[in-house]
Amino acid sequence: MNVLLTGFEPFDREPLNPSWEAVRALDGWRCGSATVRARRLSCVFGTAIEELGVHMDTLRPRLVICVGLAGGRAEISPERIAINLDDGRIADNAGAQPIDQPVVPGAPAAYFSTLPIKAIVRDLLAAGVPASVSNTAGTFVCNHLFFGLMHRLAAKPRSSTRGGFIHVPYADEQAERFPGEPSLPLETITEALRVAVATSLEVVTDIRQTGGRLH
């Protein structure tokens, strides 16, 4: 049984992307009967979804967790919802900057993650890792990929594959370039993804506990 973990290449002139650095550290890791397969995706609208599709067709994973960077956040953030909207504050790595464009024309306005996001947060907090549910994955390539993943899964309702997206903070290696912004050790981010995989494989029906926000 394969688990597909994806991270992004660096973007916005950064030399590294902690999403990929943490994901690739888990390539080949076995969690019970499952094996993690790590793959790096382009930070490019359209291309990222295409690359994900190729990896899913090849690996036929039971679980897909896409990971991206959310600079400025202090916590590991399992995302609740993907919206059908591209609105780039900056250009992607191919120079594209779509504004108010649908990810998939004619598709639903949004999809919910099928990961046990609240159980993941519970287990991360129990492990001493700062975490909370996020209700916005943004409108850049992260949300674009998240929506593309969930649209693909929704098109195969009989499939047992589950998927979703997790945002991570800056790594400590980036702290010098972003003074005052929160960061986590790369080892902590990697361990958080290890917990997320284990919880997602174990928990089918998410727990019911508060995870909402006032704003």
N, C-alpha and C. Protein backbone atom coordinates (compact mmCIF):
# COMPACT_ATOMS: atom_id res chain seq x y z
N MET A 1 0.86 -1.19 0.00
CA MET A 1 0.00 0.00 0.00
C MET A 1 0.89 1.24 0.00
N ASN A 2 0.66 2.11 -0.95
CA ASN A 2 1.46 3.33 -1.06
C ASN A 2 0.76 4.54 -0.47
N VAL A 3 1.54 5.39 0.16
CA VAL A 3 1.11 6.71 0.59
C VAL A 3 1.91 7.72 -0.21
N LEU A 4 1.22 8.58 -0.94
CA LEU A 4 1.90 9.61 -1.74
C LEU A 4 1.99 10.91 -0.95
N LEU A 5 3.22 11.34 -0.69
CA LEU A 5 3.47 12.63 -0.05
C LEU A 5 4.12 13.53 -1.08
N THR A 6 3.59 14.73 -1.25
CA THR A 6 4.21 15.66 -2.20
C THR A 6 4.60 16.95 -1.50
N GLY A 7 5.70 17.53 -1.96
CA GLY A 7 6.13 18.85 -1.54
C GLY A 7 6.45 19.67 -2.78
N PHE A 8 6.59 20.97 -2.58
CA PHE A 8 6.84 21.86 -3.72
C PHE A 8 8.32 22.23 -3.83
N GLU A 9 8.71 22.52 -5.06
CA GLU A 9 10.02 23.11 -5.30
C GLU A 9 10.05 24.51 -4.69
N PRO A 10 11.24 25.09 -4.48
CA PRO A 10 11.32 26.47 -3.98
C PRO A 10 10.64 27.45 -4.94
N PHE A 11 10.15 28.54 -4.39
CA PHE A 11 9.50 29.56 -5.20
C PHE A 11 9.78 30.94 -4.60
N ASP A 12 9.43 31.97 -5.34
CA ASP A 12 9.59 33.35 -4.88
C ASP A 12 11.03 33.64 -4.46
N ARG A 13 11.98 33.13 -5.23
CA ARG A 13 13.42 33.37 -5.06
C ARG A 13 13.99 32.75 -3.78
N GLU A 14 13.27 31.85 -3.15
CA GLU A 14 13.80 31.15 -1.98
C GLU A 14 14.69 29.99 -2.42
N PRO A 15 15.79 29.71 -1.71
CA PRO A 15 16.66 28.60 -2.10
C PRO A 15 16.14 27.23 -1.68
N LEU A 16 15.20 27.19 -0.74
CA LEU A 16 14.64 25.91 -0.33
C LEU A 16 13.17 26.07 -0.01
N ASN A 17 12.47 24.95 -0.03
CA ASN A 17 11.06 24.91 0.36
C ASN A 17 10.92 23.82 1.42
N PRO A 18 10.57 24.19 2.65
CA PRO A 18 10.52 23.18 3.72
C PRO A 18 9.49 22.09 3.48
N SER A 19 8.50 22.35 2.64
CA SER A 19 7.52 21.30 2.35
C SER A 19 8.22 20.13 1.67
N TRP A 20 9.09 20.41 0.70
CA TRP A 20 9.80 19.32 0.02
C TRP A 20 10.89 18.73 0.90
N GLU A 21 11.62 19.56 1.62
CA GLU A 21 12.71 19.05 2.46
C GLU A 21 12.16 18.07 3.50
N ALA A 22 11.00 18.37 4.07
CA ALA A 22 10.42 17.48 5.07
C ALA A 22 9.83 16.23 4.42
N VAL A 23 9.18 16.41 3.28
CA VAL A 23 8.55 15.27 2.59
C VAL A 23 9.61 14.27 2.13
N ARG A 24 10.68 14.76 1.53
CA ARG A 24 11.66 13.83 0.96
C ARG A 24 12.39 13.04 2.05
N ALA A 25 12.42 13.56 3.28
CA ALA A 25 13.04 12.84 4.39
C ALA A 25 12.25 11.59 4.75
N LEU A 26 10.99 11.52 4.32
CA LEU A 26 10.15 10.37 4.65
C LEU A 26 10.02 9.38 3.50
N ASP A 27 10.70 9.65 2.39
CA ASP A 27 10.59 8.73 1.25
C ASP A 27 11.08 7.33 1.64
N GLY A 28 10.22 6.35 1.44
CA GLY A 28 10.56 4.97 1.78
C GLY A 28 10.21 4.56 3.18
N TRP A 29 9.78 5.52 4.02
CA TRP A 29 9.40 5.18 5.40
C TRP A 29 8.17 4.30 5.40
N ARG A 30 8.21 3.26 6.21
CA ARG A 30 7.08 2.34 6.32
C ARG A 30 6.29 2.64 7.58
N CYS A 31 4.99 2.74 7.39
CA CYS A 31 4.06 2.94 8.51
C CYS A 31 3.09 1.78 8.47
N GLY A 32 3.33 0.77 9.30
CA GLY A 32 2.53 -0.44 9.21
C GLY A 32 2.77 -1.12 7.88
N SER A 33 1.69 -1.38 7.16
CA SER A 33 1.81 -2.03 5.86
C SER A 33 1.95 -1.04 4.72
N ALA A 34 2.01 0.25 5.03
CA ALA A 34 2.08 1.30 4.01
C ALA A 34 3.51 1.81 3.85
N THR A 35 3.83 2.22 2.63
CA THR A 35 5.14 2.79 2.34
C THR A 35 4.96 4.18 1.76
N VAL A 36 5.69 5.13 2.31
CA VAL A 36 5.60 6.52 1.84
C VAL A 36 6.45 6.69 0.58
N ARG A 37 5.84 7.31 -0.42
CA ARG A 37 6.54 7.68 -1.65
C ARG A 37 6.52 9.20 -1.76
N ALA A 38 7.69 9.82 -1.73
CA ALA A 38 7.79 11.28 -1.77
C ALA A 38 8.04 11.74 -3.20
N ARG A 39 7.33 12.77 -3.59
CA ARG A 39 7.50 13.34 -4.93
C ARG A 39 7.49 14.86 -4.86
N ARG A 40 8.38 15.50 -5.62
CA ARG A 40 8.44 16.96 -5.67
C ARG A 40 7.62 17.46 -6.85
N LEU A 41 6.85 18.53 -6.62
CA LEU A 41 6.00 19.10 -7.66
C LEU A 41 6.48 20.51 -8.01
N SER A 42 6.19 20.90 -9.23
CA SER A 42 6.50 22.26 -9.68
C SER A 42 5.54 23.25 -9.03
N CYS A 43 6.07 24.41 -8.69
CA CYS A 43 5.21 25.48 -8.17
C CYS A 43 4.70 26.29 -9.36
N VAL A 44 3.86 25.61 -10.14
CA VAL A 44 3.35 26.18 -11.39
C VAL A 44 1.88 25.79 -11.54
N PHE A 45 1.03 26.77 -11.78
CA PHE A 45 -0.38 26.50 -12.02
C PHE A 45 -0.53 25.51 -13.18
N GLY A 46 -1.42 24.57 -13.05
CA GLY A 46 -1.66 23.59 -14.10
C GLY A 46 -0.66 22.45 -14.06
N THR A 47 0.62 22.77 -14.14
CA THR A 47 1.65 21.74 -14.16
C THR A 47 1.64 20.92 -12.88
N ALA A 48 1.44 21.57 -11.74
CA ALA A 48 1.44 20.83 -10.46
C ALA A 48 0.35 19.76 -10.45
N ILE A 49 -0.83 20.09 -10.94
CA ILE A 49 -1.93 19.11 -10.98
C ILE A 49 -1.60 17.98 -11.96
N GLU A 50 -1.02 18.34 -13.09
CA GLU A 50 -0.65 17.32 -14.07
C GLU A 50 0.39 16.35 -13.49
N GLU A 51 1.38 16.88 -12.82
CA GLU A 51 2.42 16.03 -12.22
C GLU A 51 1.82 15.13 -11.13
N LEU A 52 0.95 15.70 -10.32
CA LEU A 52 0.29 14.89 -9.29
C LEU A 52 -0.48 13.74 -9.92
N GLY A 53 -1.19 14.02 -11.01
CA GLY A 53 -1.95 12.98 -11.68
C GLY A 53 -1.08 11.84 -12.17
N VAL A 54 0.09 12.18 -12.71
CA VAL A 54 1.02 11.15 -13.18
C VAL A 54 1.47 10.27 -12.02
N HIS A 55 1.82 10.90 -10.91
CA HIS A 55 2.27 10.13 -9.74
C HIS A 55 1.15 9.26 -9.18
N MET A 56 -0.07 9.75 -9.20
CA MET A 56 -1.19 8.96 -8.69
C MET A 56 -1.47 7.77 -9.61
N ASP A 57 -1.39 8.00 -10.90
CA ASP A 57 -1.61 6.90 -11.86
C ASP A 57 -0.53 5.82 -11.71
N THR A 58 0.69 6.25 -11.43
CA THR A 58 1.80 5.30 -11.32
C THR A 58 1.77 4.54 -10.00
N LEU A 59 1.54 5.26 -8.91
CA LEU A 59 1.66 4.66 -7.58
C LEU A 59 0.35 4.07 -7.05
N ARG A 60 -0.77 4.55 -7.58
CA ARG A 60 -2.10 4.12 -7.10
C ARG A 60 -2.16 4.15 -5.56
N PRO A 61 -1.93 5.30 -4.97
CA PRO A 61 -1.84 5.38 -3.52
C PRO A 61 -3.20 5.23 -2.84
N ARG A 62 -3.16 4.72 -1.62
CA ARG A 62 -4.37 4.67 -0.78
C ARG A 62 -4.61 6.00 -0.09
N LEU A 63 -3.53 6.77 0.08
CA LEU A 63 -3.58 8.04 0.79
C LEU A 63 -2.69 9.04 0.07
N VAL A 64 -3.19 10.27 -0.10
CA VAL A 64 -2.41 11.34 -0.73
C VAL A 64 -2.42 12.56 0.19
N ILE A 65 -1.24 12.99 0.60
CA ILE A 65 -1.13 14.21 1.40
C ILE A 65 -0.18 15.15 0.67
N CYS A 66 -0.71 16.26 0.22
CA CYS A 66 0.10 17.29 -0.42
C CYS A 66 0.49 18.31 0.64
N VAL A 67 1.72 18.79 0.56
CA VAL A 67 2.27 19.68 1.57
C VAL A 67 2.82 20.93 0.90
N GLY A 68 2.58 22.06 1.54
CA GLY A 68 3.07 23.33 1.00
C GLY A 68 3.49 24.27 2.11
N LEU A 69 4.18 25.32 1.73
CA LEU A 69 4.67 26.33 2.66
C LEU A 69 3.65 27.43 2.85
N ALA A 70 3.39 27.78 4.11
CA ALA A 70 2.59 28.96 4.44
C ALA A 70 3.44 29.86 5.33
N GLY A 71 4.31 30.64 4.70
CA GLY A 71 5.18 31.53 5.46
C GLY A 71 4.39 32.52 6.29
N GLY A 72 4.76 32.65 7.56
CA GLY A 72 4.04 33.53 8.48
C GLY A 72 3.19 32.77 9.47
N ARG A 73 2.83 31.54 9.15
CA ARG A 73 2.09 30.73 10.10
C ARG A 73 3.07 30.13 11.12
N ALA A 74 2.56 29.93 12.33
CA ALA A 74 3.40 29.39 13.40
C ALA A 74 3.12 27.93 13.68
N GLU A 75 2.12 27.36 12.99
CA GLU A 75 1.67 26.01 13.30
C GLU A 75 1.60 25.14 12.06
N ILE A 76 1.63 23.83 12.26
CA ILE A 76 1.29 22.89 11.21
C ILE A 76 -0.21 22.99 10.99
N SER A 77 -0.64 23.15 9.74
CA SER A 77 -2.04 23.49 9.46
C SER A 77 -2.67 22.53 8.46
N PRO A 78 -3.33 21.48 8.93
CA PRO A 78 -4.15 20.68 8.02
C PRO A 78 -5.28 21.54 7.47
N GLU A 79 -5.45 21.55 6.17
CA GLU A 79 -6.45 22.41 5.53
C GLU A 79 -7.80 21.71 5.46
N ARG A 80 -8.85 22.48 5.76
CA ARG A 80 -10.20 21.94 5.75
C ARG A 80 -10.82 21.93 4.36
N ILE A 81 -10.55 22.99 3.56
CA ILE A 81 -11.33 23.18 2.33
C ILE A 81 -10.47 23.75 1.21
N ALA A 82 -10.73 23.28 0.00
CA ALA A 82 -10.10 23.81 -1.21
C ALA A 82 -11.16 24.54 -2.02
N ILE A 83 -10.86 25.73 -2.51
CA ILE A 83 -11.83 26.49 -3.29
C ILE A 83 -11.42 26.54 -4.76
N ASN A 84 -12.42 26.67 -5.61
CA ASN A 84 -12.21 26.64 -7.05
C ASN A 84 -11.83 28.03 -7.56
N LEU A 85 -10.66 28.49 -7.14
CA LEU A 85 -10.25 29.84 -7.48
C LEU A 85 -8.74 29.96 -7.50
N ASP A 86 -8.21 30.51 -8.58
CA ASP A 86 -6.81 30.91 -8.67
C ASP A 86 -6.76 32.43 -8.67
N ASP A 87 -5.98 33.00 -7.76
CA ASP A 87 -5.83 34.46 -7.70
C ASP A 87 -4.43 34.73 -7.15
N GLY A 88 -3.45 34.78 -8.04
CA GLY A 88 -2.06 34.84 -7.62
C GLY A 88 -1.63 36.22 -7.16
N ARG A 89 -1.21 36.31 -5.90
CA ARG A 89 -0.62 37.55 -5.40
C ARG A 89 0.74 37.78 -6.02
N ILE A 90 1.43 36.67 -6.33
CA ILE A 90 2.70 36.71 -7.04
C ILE A 90 2.62 35.74 -8.21
N ALA A 91 3.58 35.81 -9.10
CA ALA A 91 3.62 34.87 -10.23
C ALA A 91 4.18 33.53 -9.77
N ASP A 92 3.77 32.47 -10.45
CA ASP A 92 4.34 31.16 -10.17
C ASP A 92 5.73 31.05 -10.81
N ASN A 93 6.33 29.88 -10.73
CA ASN A 93 7.69 29.72 -11.23
C ASN A 93 7.81 29.74 -12.76
N ALA A 94 6.66 29.74 -13.43
CA ALA A 94 6.67 29.86 -14.89
C ALA A 94 6.27 31.27 -15.33
N GLY A 95 6.06 32.15 -14.35
CA GLY A 95 5.70 33.52 -14.66
C GLY A 95 4.21 33.78 -14.81
N ALA A 96 3.38 32.75 -14.56
CA ALA A 96 1.93 32.92 -14.69
C ALA A 96 1.35 33.50 -13.40
N GLN A 97 0.40 34.39 -13.55
CA GLN A 97 -0.26 35.00 -12.40
C GLN A 97 -1.76 35.14 -12.69
N PRO A 98 -2.50 34.03 -12.66
CA PRO A 98 -3.94 34.10 -12.94
C PRO A 98 -4.66 34.92 -11.87
N ILE A 99 -5.67 35.64 -12.30
CA ILE A 99 -6.47 36.46 -11.40
C ILE A 99 -7.94 36.10 -11.58
N ASP A 100 -8.57 35.69 -10.48
CA ASP A 100 -10.00 35.34 -10.47
C ASP A 100 -10.35 34.33 -11.56
N GLN A 101 -9.55 33.28 -11.63
CA GLN A 101 -9.79 32.20 -12.60
C GLN A 101 -10.18 30.94 -11.84
N PRO A 102 -11.10 30.13 -12.37
CA PRO A 102 -11.39 28.86 -11.72
C PRO A 102 -10.23 27.88 -11.89
N VAL A 103 -10.04 27.04 -10.90
CA VAL A 103 -9.05 25.97 -11.05
C VAL A 103 -9.53 24.99 -12.12
N VAL A 104 -10.81 24.60 -12.00
CA VAL A 104 -11.44 23.70 -12.97
C VAL A 104 -12.76 24.32 -13.39
N PRO A 105 -12.87 24.87 -14.58
CA PRO A 105 -14.13 25.48 -15.02
C PRO A 105 -15.29 24.49 -14.92
N GLY A 106 -16.40 24.95 -14.36
CA GLY A 106 -17.59 24.13 -14.24
C GLY A 106 -17.61 23.19 -13.07
N ALA A 107 -16.51 23.12 -12.31
CA ALA A 107 -16.45 22.24 -11.14
C ALA A 107 -17.15 22.91 -9.95
N PRO A 108 -17.42 22.17 -8.88
CA PRO A 108 -18.03 22.77 -7.69
C PRO A 108 -17.18 23.92 -7.13
N ALA A 109 -17.82 24.74 -6.31
CA ALA A 109 -17.12 25.88 -5.73
C ALA A 109 -16.03 25.46 -4.76
N ALA A 110 -16.19 24.31 -4.13
CA ALA A 110 -15.21 23.90 -3.12
C ALA A 110 -15.33 22.40 -2.85
N TYR A 111 -14.27 21.86 -2.30
CA TYR A 111 -14.26 20.48 -1.80
C TYR A 111 -13.65 20.47 -0.40
N PHE A 112 -14.18 19.57 0.45
CA PHE A 112 -13.59 19.38 1.76
C PHE A 112 -12.53 18.29 1.71
N SER A 113 -11.50 18.44 2.54
CA SER A 113 -10.50 17.40 2.70
C SER A 113 -11.16 16.11 3.17
N THR A 114 -10.61 14.99 2.79
CA THR A 114 -11.08 13.71 3.31
C THR A 114 -10.07 13.11 4.30
N LEU A 115 -9.10 13.92 4.71
CA LEU A 115 -8.21 13.53 5.80
C LEU A 115 -8.90 13.77 7.14
N PRO A 116 -8.52 13.04 8.19
CA PRO A 116 -9.06 13.29 9.53
C PRO A 116 -8.33 14.48 10.16
N ILE A 117 -8.65 15.67 9.69
CA ILE A 117 -7.84 16.85 10.03
C ILE A 117 -7.84 17.16 11.53
N LYS A 118 -8.97 16.94 12.19
CA LYS A 118 -9.00 17.25 13.63
C LYS A 118 -8.26 16.19 14.45
N ALA A 119 -8.33 14.95 14.01
CA ALA A 119 -7.54 13.92 14.68
C ALA A 119 -6.05 14.17 14.48
N ILE A 120 -5.67 14.65 13.30
CA ILE A 120 -4.27 14.99 13.04
C ILE A 120 -3.80 16.08 14.00
N VAL A 121 -4.61 17.13 14.14
CA VAL A 121 -4.26 18.22 15.06
C VAL A 121 -4.15 17.68 16.48
N ARG A 122 -5.09 16.87 16.90
CA ARG A 122 -5.05 16.28 18.25
C ARG A 122 -3.74 15.54 18.47
N ASP A 123 -3.35 14.71 17.52
CA ASP A 123 -2.16 13.89 17.69
C ASP A 123 -0.88 14.72 17.59
N LEU A 124 -0.90 15.77 16.78
CA LEU A 124 0.26 16.65 16.72
C LEU A 124 0.45 17.39 18.04
N LEU A 125 -0.63 17.90 18.59
CA LEU A 125 -0.53 18.59 19.87
C LEU A 125 -0.05 17.64 20.96
N ALA A 126 -0.53 16.40 20.94
CA ALA A 126 -0.10 15.41 21.92
C ALA A 126 1.39 15.11 21.79
N ALA A 127 1.91 15.27 20.57
CA ALA A 127 3.33 15.03 20.33
C ALA A 127 4.18 16.28 20.59
N GLY A 128 3.53 17.36 21.02
CA GLY A 128 4.24 18.59 21.32
C GLY A 128 4.53 19.47 20.12
N VAL A 129 3.80 19.24 19.03
CA VAL A 129 3.98 20.03 17.81
C VAL A 129 2.84 21.03 17.69
N PRO A 130 3.12 22.32 17.53
CA PRO A 130 2.05 23.30 17.38
C PRO A 130 1.24 23.03 16.12
N ALA A 131 -0.09 23.01 16.27
CA ALA A 131 -0.96 22.65 15.13
C ALA A 131 -2.34 23.21 15.33
N SER A 132 -3.01 23.48 14.23
CA SER A 132 -4.42 23.88 14.26
C SER A 132 -5.02 23.66 12.89
N VAL A 133 -6.35 23.50 12.86
CA VAL A 133 -7.06 23.39 11.59
C VAL A 133 -7.05 24.75 10.90
N SER A 134 -6.79 24.76 9.60
CA SER A 134 -6.87 25.97 8.80
C SER A 134 -8.11 25.90 7.92
N ASN A 135 -8.78 27.03 7.79
CA ASN A 135 -9.98 27.11 6.96
C ASN A 135 -9.74 27.85 5.65
N THR A 136 -8.49 28.13 5.34
CA THR A 136 -8.18 28.71 4.04
C THR A 136 -6.81 28.25 3.59
N ALA A 137 -6.76 27.67 2.40
CA ALA A 137 -5.50 27.24 1.81
C ALA A 137 -4.93 28.30 0.88
N GLY A 138 -5.49 29.52 0.93
CA GLY A 138 -5.03 30.59 0.07
C GLY A 138 -5.61 30.48 -1.33
N THR A 139 -5.00 31.19 -2.27
CA THR A 139 -5.45 31.17 -3.67
C THR A 139 -4.28 31.03 -4.64
N PHE A 140 -3.16 30.53 -4.11
CA PHE A 140 -1.97 30.34 -4.95
C PHE A 140 -1.88 28.87 -5.36
N VAL A 141 -0.70 28.38 -5.69
CA VAL A 141 -0.57 27.04 -6.24
C VAL A 141 -0.93 25.96 -5.21
N CYS A 142 -0.78 26.24 -3.92
CA CYS A 142 -1.16 25.26 -2.90
C CYS A 142 -2.65 24.93 -2.99
N ASN A 143 -3.49 25.94 -2.94
CA ASN A 143 -4.93 25.70 -3.06
C ASN A 143 -5.26 25.11 -4.42
N HIS A 144 -4.60 25.58 -5.45
CA HIS A 144 -4.79 25.06 -6.81
C HIS A 144 -4.58 23.54 -6.84
N LEU A 145 -3.47 23.10 -6.26
CA LEU A 145 -3.17 21.67 -6.23
C LEU A 145 -4.17 20.91 -5.35
N PHE A 146 -4.48 21.47 -4.20
CA PHE A 146 -5.44 20.86 -3.28
C PHE A 146 -6.79 20.65 -3.97
N PHE A 147 -7.26 21.68 -4.68
CA PHE A 147 -8.54 21.54 -5.39
C PHE A 147 -8.42 20.49 -6.49
N GLY A 148 -7.32 20.51 -7.23
CA GLY A 148 -7.14 19.53 -8.29
C GLY A 148 -7.15 18.11 -7.76
N LEU A 149 -6.51 17.90 -6.61
CA LEU A 149 -6.51 16.57 -5.98
C LEU A 149 -7.91 16.15 -5.61
N MET A 150 -8.64 17.02 -4.94
CA MET A 150 -9.97 16.64 -4.46
C MET A 150 -10.96 16.47 -5.62
N HIS A 151 -10.78 17.25 -6.68
CA HIS A 151 -11.63 17.10 -7.87
C HIS A 151 -11.38 15.74 -8.50
N ARG A 152 -10.15 15.33 -8.55
CA ARG A 152 -9.82 14.01 -9.11
C ARG A 152 -10.43 12.90 -8.25
N LEU A 153 -10.31 13.02 -6.94
CA LEU A 153 -10.88 11.99 -6.06
C LEU A 153 -12.40 11.96 -6.14
N ALA A 154 -13.02 13.13 -6.26
CA ALA A 154 -14.48 13.19 -6.35
C ALA A 154 -15.00 12.54 -7.63
N ALA A 155 -14.16 12.53 -8.66
CA ALA A 155 -14.57 11.93 -9.94
C ALA A 155 -14.57 10.40 -9.88
N LYS A 156 -14.01 9.86 -8.79
CA LYS A 156 -13.97 8.40 -8.61
C LYS A 156 -14.57 8.05 -7.26
N PRO A 157 -15.91 8.19 -7.13
CA PRO A 157 -16.56 8.02 -5.82
C PRO A 157 -16.40 6.62 -5.23
N ARG A 158 -16.12 5.64 -6.04
CA ARG A 158 -15.96 4.27 -5.52
C ARG A 158 -14.53 4.00 -5.03
N SER A 159 -13.65 4.94 -5.28
CA SER A 159 -12.26 4.76 -4.85
C SER A 159 -12.16 4.92 -3.33
N SER A 160 -11.28 4.14 -2.72
CA SER A 160 -11.05 4.24 -1.27
C SER A 160 -9.93 5.23 -0.95
N THR A 161 -9.36 5.86 -1.97
CA THR A 161 -8.26 6.79 -1.74
C THR A 161 -8.77 8.06 -1.07
N ARG A 162 -8.06 8.48 -0.03
CA ARG A 162 -8.38 9.73 0.65
C ARG A 162 -7.24 10.71 0.47
N GLY A 163 -7.55 11.99 0.59
CA GLY A 163 -6.50 12.97 0.36
C GLY A 163 -6.79 14.32 0.98
N GLY A 164 -5.76 15.14 1.00
CA GLY A 164 -5.90 16.49 1.52
C GLY A 164 -4.58 17.22 1.48
N PHE A 165 -4.54 18.34 2.18
CA PHE A 165 -3.40 19.25 2.10
C PHE A 165 -3.01 19.73 3.49
N ILE A 166 -1.70 19.86 3.71
CA ILE A 166 -1.18 20.38 4.97
C ILE A 166 -0.19 21.49 4.68
N HIS A 167 -0.36 22.63 5.34
CA HIS A 167 0.59 23.73 5.23
C HIS A 167 1.57 23.68 6.40
N VAL A 168 2.81 24.05 6.12
CA VAL A 168 3.84 24.07 7.15
C VAL A 168 4.46 25.47 7.21
N PRO A 169 5.02 25.85 8.38
CA PRO A 169 5.68 27.16 8.50
C PRO A 169 7.06 27.17 7.85
N TYR A 170 7.69 28.33 7.90
CA TYR A 170 9.08 28.41 7.51
C TYR A 170 9.92 27.45 8.35
N ALA A 171 10.98 26.93 7.77
CA ALA A 171 11.96 26.16 8.53
C ALA A 171 12.93 27.13 9.20
N ASP A 172 13.57 26.67 10.28
CA ASP A 172 14.52 27.52 10.98
C ASP A 172 15.63 28.01 10.06
N GLU A 173 15.97 27.21 9.04
CA GLU A 173 17.01 27.60 8.10
C GLU A 173 16.66 28.87 7.33
N GLN A 174 15.39 29.23 7.33
CA GLN A 174 14.94 30.42 6.61
C GLN A 174 14.78 31.64 7.52
N ALA A 175 14.95 31.44 8.83
CA ALA A 175 14.64 32.49 9.79
C ALA A 175 15.45 33.76 9.56
N GLU A 176 16.70 33.62 9.15
CA GLU A 176 17.55 34.79 8.94
C GLU A 176 17.01 35.67 7.82
N ARG A 177 16.37 35.05 6.83
CA ARG A 177 15.84 35.82 5.70
C ARG A 177 14.47 36.40 5.99
N PHE A 178 13.83 35.91 7.06
CA PHE A 178 12.49 36.40 7.42
C PHE A 178 12.45 36.76 8.90
N PRO A 179 13.19 37.80 9.29
CA PRO A 179 13.26 38.16 10.71
C PRO A 179 11.89 38.49 11.28
N GLY A 180 11.63 37.93 12.45
CA GLY A 180 10.35 38.17 13.11
C GLY A 180 9.26 37.20 12.74
N GLU A 181 9.47 36.41 11.67
CA GLU A 181 8.46 35.44 11.27
C GLU A 181 8.67 34.13 12.03
N PRO A 182 7.57 33.44 12.38
CA PRO A 182 7.73 32.16 13.09
C PRO A 182 8.31 31.09 12.19
N SER A 183 9.00 30.15 12.82
CA SER A 183 9.58 29.02 12.07
C SER A 183 9.67 27.82 12.99
N LEU A 184 9.89 26.66 12.39
CA LEU A 184 10.06 25.42 13.14
C LEU A 184 11.29 24.70 12.62
N PRO A 185 11.94 23.89 13.48
CA PRO A 185 13.04 23.06 12.98
C PRO A 185 12.53 22.12 11.90
N LEU A 186 13.34 21.90 10.89
CA LEU A 186 12.94 21.01 9.82
C LEU A 186 12.63 19.61 10.35
N GLU A 187 13.35 19.18 11.37
CA GLU A 187 13.08 17.87 11.96
C GLU A 187 11.69 17.80 12.57
N THR A 188 11.23 18.91 13.15
CA THR A 188 9.88 18.95 13.73
C THR A 188 8.82 18.87 12.64
N ILE A 189 9.05 19.57 11.53
CA ILE A 189 8.10 19.51 10.41
C ILE A 189 8.03 18.10 9.86
N THR A 190 9.18 17.46 9.74
CA THR A 190 9.21 16.08 9.24
C THR A 190 8.45 15.16 10.18
N GLU A 191 8.69 15.30 11.48
CA GLU A 191 7.99 14.46 12.46
C GLU A 191 6.49 14.72 12.42
N ALA A 192 6.09 15.97 12.18
CA ALA A 192 4.67 16.29 12.09
C ALA A 192 4.02 15.54 10.92
N LEU A 193 4.72 15.46 9.80
CA LEU A 193 4.17 14.73 8.66
C LEU A 193 4.12 13.24 8.94
N ARG A 194 5.08 12.74 9.69
CA ARG A 194 5.05 11.34 10.09
C ARG A 194 3.79 11.05 10.91
N VAL A 195 3.49 11.94 11.84
CA VAL A 195 2.28 11.80 12.66
C VAL A 195 1.03 11.90 11.79
N ALA A 196 1.02 12.83 10.85
CA ALA A 196 -0.14 13.02 9.99
C ALA A 196 -0.42 11.78 9.16
N VAL A 197 0.62 11.15 8.64
CA VAL A 197 0.44 9.93 7.86
C VAL A 197 -0.13 8.82 8.74
N ALA A 198 0.48 8.62 9.90
CA ALA A 198 0.03 7.55 10.79
C ALA A 198 -1.42 7.74 11.22
N THR A 199 -1.78 8.95 11.57
CA THR A 199 -3.15 9.23 11.99
C THR A 199 -4.13 9.03 10.84
N SER A 200 -3.76 9.48 9.66
CA SER A 200 -4.65 9.36 8.50
C SER A 200 -4.89 7.90 8.12
N LEU A 201 -3.88 7.06 8.31
CA LEU A 201 -4.05 5.64 8.02
C LEU A 201 -4.92 4.95 9.08
N GLU A 202 -4.84 5.46 10.29
CA GLU A 202 -5.54 4.81 11.40
C GLU A 202 -6.98 5.29 11.56
N VAL A 203 -7.21 6.58 11.37
CA VAL A 203 -8.52 7.19 11.65
C VAL A 203 -9.29 7.36 10.34
N VAL A 204 -10.40 6.67 10.23
CA VAL A 204 -11.23 6.77 9.03
C VAL A 204 -12.29 7.87 9.20
N THR A 205 -12.96 7.87 10.34
CA THR A 205 -13.97 8.89 10.64
C THR A 205 -13.36 9.90 11.61
N ASP A 206 -13.32 11.15 11.20
CA ASP A 206 -12.66 12.18 12.01
C ASP A 206 -13.37 12.37 13.34
N ILE A 207 -12.62 12.83 14.33
CA ILE A 207 -13.19 13.10 15.64
C ILE A 207 -13.99 14.39 15.60
N ARG A 208 -14.87 14.56 16.58
CA ARG A 208 -15.66 15.78 16.70
C ARG A 208 -15.13 16.59 17.87
N GLN A 209 -14.44 17.64 17.54
CA GLN A 209 -13.98 18.59 18.55
C GLN A 209 -13.83 19.94 17.89
N THR A 210 -13.85 20.98 18.68
CA THR A 210 -13.84 22.32 18.10
C THR A 210 -12.54 22.55 17.32
N GLY A 211 -12.69 23.19 16.19
CA GLY A 211 -11.55 23.56 15.37
C GLY A 211 -11.84 24.80 14.57
N GLY A 212 -12.93 25.49 14.95
CA GLY A 212 -13.36 26.67 14.21
C GLY A 212 -12.65 27.93 14.64
N ARG A 213 -12.90 29.00 13.93
CA ARG A 213 -12.31 30.31 14.21
C ARG A 213 -13.41 31.37 14.24
N LEU A 214 -13.16 32.45 14.97
CA LEU A 214 -14.10 33.58 14.96
C LEU A 214 -13.92 34.42 13.70
N HIS A 215 -12.72 34.39 13.11
CA HIS A 215 -12.47 35.16 11.88
C HIS A 215 -11.36 34.53 11.10
